[in-house]
Amino acid sequence: MTIYDTHLNKRGFDYNPADRRYPLLFELGRPLDDLEGLLLSEYAGKTMTMDQIYEKQNVGRPYVRKSYKDVLVKMEAEGHISADPAAENRPCRKGLATFADEVKVTINSPRRGSWPPTPP
């Protein structure tokens, strides 16, 4: 909410705590592990490009394109997805395989009891 100070002719901002009326504010703090779980549950057994996944899944969520790419690289390394081309056939930057928008992703169906992980 903005405040207009008529005496100083300036605008300012005040603190407005989040509550249940603004669910997106709660979404902003979700970790990338939650994104992995969302992808596994929503797209298990499906094949799509990284860009298709991003375009269908990111609306109303706090994740950017890089978040999706980072999670997909991690999921590929853990065997949760298959990618075409595979990591060893893609360029590396900073020691990690890149994940272009046109890489085809097949999200493996989770094995029973594999997701979500149980806390220690």
C-alpha atoms as a PDB file:
ATOM      1  CA  MET A   1       0.000   0.000   0.000  1.00  0.00           C
ATOM      2  CA  THR A   2       1.397   3.396  -0.899  1.00  0.00           C
ATOM      3  CA  ILE A   3       1.139   6.419   1.326  1.00  0.00           C
ATOM      4  CA  TYR A   4       1.134   9.906  -0.090  1.00  0.00           C
ATOM      5  CA  ASP A   5       2.596  12.520   2.210  1.00  0.00           C
ATOM      6  CA  THR A   6       0.883  15.787   1.260  1.00  0.00           C
ATOM      7  CA  HIS A   7       3.234  17.879   3.385  1.00  0.00           C
ATOM      8  CA  LEU A   8       6.403  16.583   1.720  1.00  0.00           C
ATOM      9  CA  ASN A   9       4.840  15.825  -1.688  1.00  0.00           C
ATOM     10  CA  LYS A  10       6.442  12.341  -1.635  1.00  0.00           C
ATOM     11  CA  ARG A  11       5.242   8.780  -1.873  1.00  0.00           C
ATOM     12  CA  GLY A  12       6.303   6.045   0.518  1.00  0.00           C
ATOM     13  CA  PHE A  13       5.465   2.488   1.447  1.00  0.00           C
ATOM     14  CA  ASP A  14       4.209   0.972   4.631  1.00  0.00           C
ATOM     15  CA  TYR A  15       4.415  -2.598   5.935  1.00  0.00           C
ATOM     16  CA  ASN A  16       1.437  -4.750   5.035  1.00  0.00           C
ATOM     17  CA  PRO A  17       1.750  -8.278   6.485  1.00  0.00           C
ATOM     18  CA  ALA A  18       0.710 -11.222   4.325  1.00  0.00           C
ATOM     19  CA  ASP A  19      -2.408 -13.114   5.230  1.00  0.00           C
ATOM     20  CA  ARG A  20      -4.599 -15.769   3.652  1.00  0.00           C
ATOM     21  CA  ARG A  21      -6.209 -13.187   1.333  1.00  0.00           C
ATOM     22  CA  TYR A  22      -2.906 -12.972  -0.575  1.00  0.00           C
ATOM     23  CA  PRO A  23      -1.793 -16.568  -1.221  1.00  0.00           C
ATOM     24  CA  LEU A  24       0.924 -15.560  -3.708  1.00  0.00           C
ATOM     25  CA  LEU A  25       2.869 -13.881  -0.905  1.00  0.00           C
ATOM     26  CA  PHE A  26       3.146 -17.270   0.825  1.00  0.00           C
ATOM     27  CA  GLU A  27       4.275 -18.901  -2.432  1.00  0.00           C
ATOM     28  CA  LEU A  28       7.307 -16.601  -2.709  1.00  0.00           C
ATOM     29  CA  GLY A  29       9.161 -18.451   0.030  1.00  0.00           C
ATOM     30  CA  ARG A  30       8.859 -21.944  -1.461  1.00  0.00           C
ATOM     31  CA  PRO A  31      12.184 -23.755  -1.878  1.00  0.00           C
ATOM     32  CA  LEU A  32      13.317 -25.417  -5.099  1.00  0.00           C
ATOM     33  CA  ASP A  33      12.711 -28.842  -3.529  1.00  0.00           C
ATOM     34  CA  ASP A  34       9.004 -28.027  -3.670  1.00  0.00           C
ATOM     35  CA  LEU A  35       9.337 -27.379  -7.410  1.00  0.00           C
ATOM     36  CA  GLU A  36      10.869 -30.826  -7.851  1.00  0.00           C
ATOM     37  CA  GLY A  37       7.908 -32.390  -6.077  1.00  0.00           C
ATOM     38  CA  LEU A  38       5.437 -30.382  -8.148  1.00  0.00           C
ATOM     39  CA  LEU A  39       7.078 -31.502 -11.399  1.00  0.00           C
ATOM     40  CA  LEU A  40       7.156 -35.142 -10.318  1.00  0.00           C
ATOM     41  CA  SER A  41       3.498 -35.146  -9.313  1.00  0.00           C
ATOM     42  CA  GLU A  42       2.100 -33.102 -12.206  1.00  0.00           C
ATOM     43  CA  TYR A  43       4.130 -34.440 -15.139  1.00  0.00           C
ATOM     44  CA  ALA A  44       5.035 -38.033 -14.222  1.00  0.00           C
ATOM     45  CA  GLY A  45       5.230 -40.172 -17.357  1.00  0.00           C
ATOM     46  CA  LYS A  46       4.991 -37.183 -19.732  1.00  0.00           C
ATOM     47  CA  THR A  47       7.510 -35.934 -22.301  1.00  0.00           C
ATOM     48  CA  MET A  48       7.758 -32.204 -22.976  1.00  0.00           C
ATOM     49  CA  THR A  49      10.427 -29.623 -23.694  1.00  0.00           C
ATOM     50  CA  MET A  50      11.802 -27.566 -20.832  1.00  0.00           C
ATOM     51  CA  ASP A  51      10.080 -24.537 -22.341  1.00  0.00           C
ATOM     52  CA  GLN A  52       6.689 -26.296 -22.474  1.00  0.00           C
ATOM     53  CA  ILE A  53       7.020 -27.310 -18.833  1.00  0.00           C
ATOM     54  CA  TYR A  54       7.942 -23.769 -17.846  1.00  0.00           C
ATOM     55  CA  GLU A  55       5.123 -22.153 -19.833  1.00  0.00           C
ATOM     56  CA  LYS A  56       2.465 -24.515 -18.443  1.00  0.00           C
ATOM     57  CA  GLN A  57       3.662 -24.662 -14.863  1.00  0.00           C
ATOM     58  CA  ASN A  58       5.095 -21.302 -13.830  1.00  0.00           C
ATOM     59  CA  VAL A  59       1.938 -19.160 -13.856  1.00  0.00           C
ATOM     60  CA  GLY A  60       1.130 -18.031 -10.337  1.00  0.00           C
ATOM     61  CA  ARG A  61       4.280 -19.617  -8.935  1.00  0.00           C
ATOM     62  CA  PRO A  62       7.393 -17.875  -7.640  1.00  0.00           C
ATOM     63  CA  TYR A  63       9.854 -19.717  -9.886  1.00  0.00           C
ATOM     64  CA  VAL A  64      11.772 -18.262 -12.818  1.00  0.00           C
ATOM     65  CA  ARG A  65      13.099 -20.096 -15.876  1.00  0.00           C
ATOM     66  CA  LYS A  66      16.503 -20.599 -14.217  1.00  0.00           C
ATOM     67  CA  SER A  67      14.804 -22.294 -11.254  1.00  0.00           C
ATOM     68  CA  TYR A  68      13.262 -24.847 -13.592  1.00  0.00           C
ATOM     69  CA  LYS A  69      16.545 -25.469 -15.375  1.00  0.00           C
ATOM     70  CA  ASP A  70      18.453 -25.890 -12.096  1.00  0.00           C
ATOM     71  CA  VAL A  71      15.863 -28.336 -10.763  1.00  0.00           C
ATOM     72  CA  LEU A  72      15.781 -30.314 -14.024  1.00  0.00           C
ATOM     73  CA  VAL A  73      19.600 -30.653 -14.035  1.00  0.00           C
ATOM     74  CA  LYS A  74      19.420 -31.942 -10.447  1.00  0.00           C
ATOM     75  CA  MET A  75      16.549 -34.303 -11.256  1.00  0.00           C
ATOM     76  CA  GLU A  76      18.455 -35.677 -14.251  1.00  0.00           C
ATOM     77  CA  ALA A  77      21.528 -36.347 -12.116  1.00  0.00           C
ATOM     78  CA  GLU A  78      19.318 -38.156  -9.563  1.00  0.00           C
ATOM     79  CA  GLY A  79      17.608 -40.241 -12.263  1.00  0.00           C
ATOM     80  CA  HIS A  80      14.142 -38.704 -11.821  1.00  0.00           C
ATOM     81  CA  ILE A  81      14.031 -37.571 -15.457  1.00  0.00           C
ATOM     82  CA  SER A  82      15.455 -38.517 -18.817  1.00  0.00           C
ATOM     83  CA  ALA A  83      16.582 -35.726 -21.126  1.00  0.00           C
ATOM     84  CA  ASP A  84      17.184 -35.649 -24.863  1.00  0.00           C
ATOM     85  CA  PRO A  85      19.940 -34.804 -25.491  1.00  0.00           C
ATOM     86  CA  ALA A  86      21.412 -36.346 -22.355  1.00  0.00           C
ATOM     87  CA  ALA A  87      23.647 -34.331 -20.010  1.00  0.00           C
ATOM     88  CA  GLU A  88      26.860 -35.798 -21.425  1.00  0.00           C
ATOM     89  CA  ASN A  89      25.858 -34.521 -24.896  1.00  0.00           C
ATOM     90  CA  ARG A  90      25.086 -30.962 -23.789  1.00  0.00           C
ATOM     91  CA  PRO A  91      27.570 -28.135 -23.192  1.00  0.00           C
ATOM     92  CA  CYS A  92      28.838 -27.618 -19.633  1.00  0.00           C
ATOM     93  CA  ARG A  93      29.170 -24.322 -17.794  1.00  0.00           C
ATOM     94  CA  LYS A  94      30.713 -24.038 -14.343  1.00  0.00           C
ATOM     95  CA  GLY A  95      30.984 -27.827 -14.207  1.00  0.00           C
ATOM     96  CA  LEU A  96      27.262 -28.470 -14.811  1.00  0.00           C
ATOM     97  CA  ALA A  97      25.406 -29.506 -17.935  1.00  0.00           C
ATOM     98  CA  THR A  98      23.354 -26.718 -19.457  1.00  0.00           C
ATOM     99  CA  PHE A  99      19.619 -27.149 -20.019  1.00  0.00           C
ATOM    100  CA  ALA A 100      18.365 -25.397 -23.164  1.00  0.00           C
ATOM    101  CA  ASP A 101      14.697 -24.543 -23.626  1.00  0.00           C
ATOM    102  CA  GLU A 102      14.328 -27.151 -26.388  1.00  0.00           C
ATOM    103  CA  VAL A 103      15.716 -30.104 -24.393  1.00  0.00           C
ATOM    104  CA  LYS A 104      13.057 -32.827 -24.272  1.00  0.00           C
ATOM    105  CA  VAL A 105      12.291 -34.014 -20.766  1.00  0.00           C
ATOM    106  CA  THR A 106      10.574 -37.245 -19.753  1.00  0.00           C
ATOM    107  CA  ILE A 107       9.640 -37.202 -16.098  1.00  0.00           C
ATOM    108  CA  ASN A 108       9.820 -40.727 -14.771  1.00  0.00           C
ATOM    109  CA  SER A 109       6.888 -42.039 -12.794  1.00  0.00           C
ATOM    110  CA  PRO A 110       7.930 -42.011  -9.141  1.00  0.00           C
ATOM    111  CA  ARG A 111       8.542 -45.353  -7.513  1.00  0.00           C
ATOM    112  CA  ARG A 112       6.306 -46.130  -4.573  1.00  0.00           C
ATOM    113  CA  GLY A 113       7.492 -44.312  -1.510  1.00  0.00           C
ATOM    114  CA  SER A 114      10.133 -42.307  -3.396  1.00  0.00           C
ATOM    115  CA  TRP A 115       8.402 -38.912  -3.257  1.00  0.00           C
ATOM    116  CA  PRO A 116       8.006 -37.002  -1.108  1.00  0.00           C
ATOM    117  CA  PRO A 117      11.036 -38.054   0.860  1.00  0.00           C
ATOM    118  CA  THR A 118      10.426 -38.880   4.477  1.00  0.00           C
ATOM    119  CA  PRO A 119      12.122 -36.594   6.983  1.00  0.00           C
ATOM    120  CA  PRO A 120      15.052 -38.083   8.937  1.00  0.00           C
END
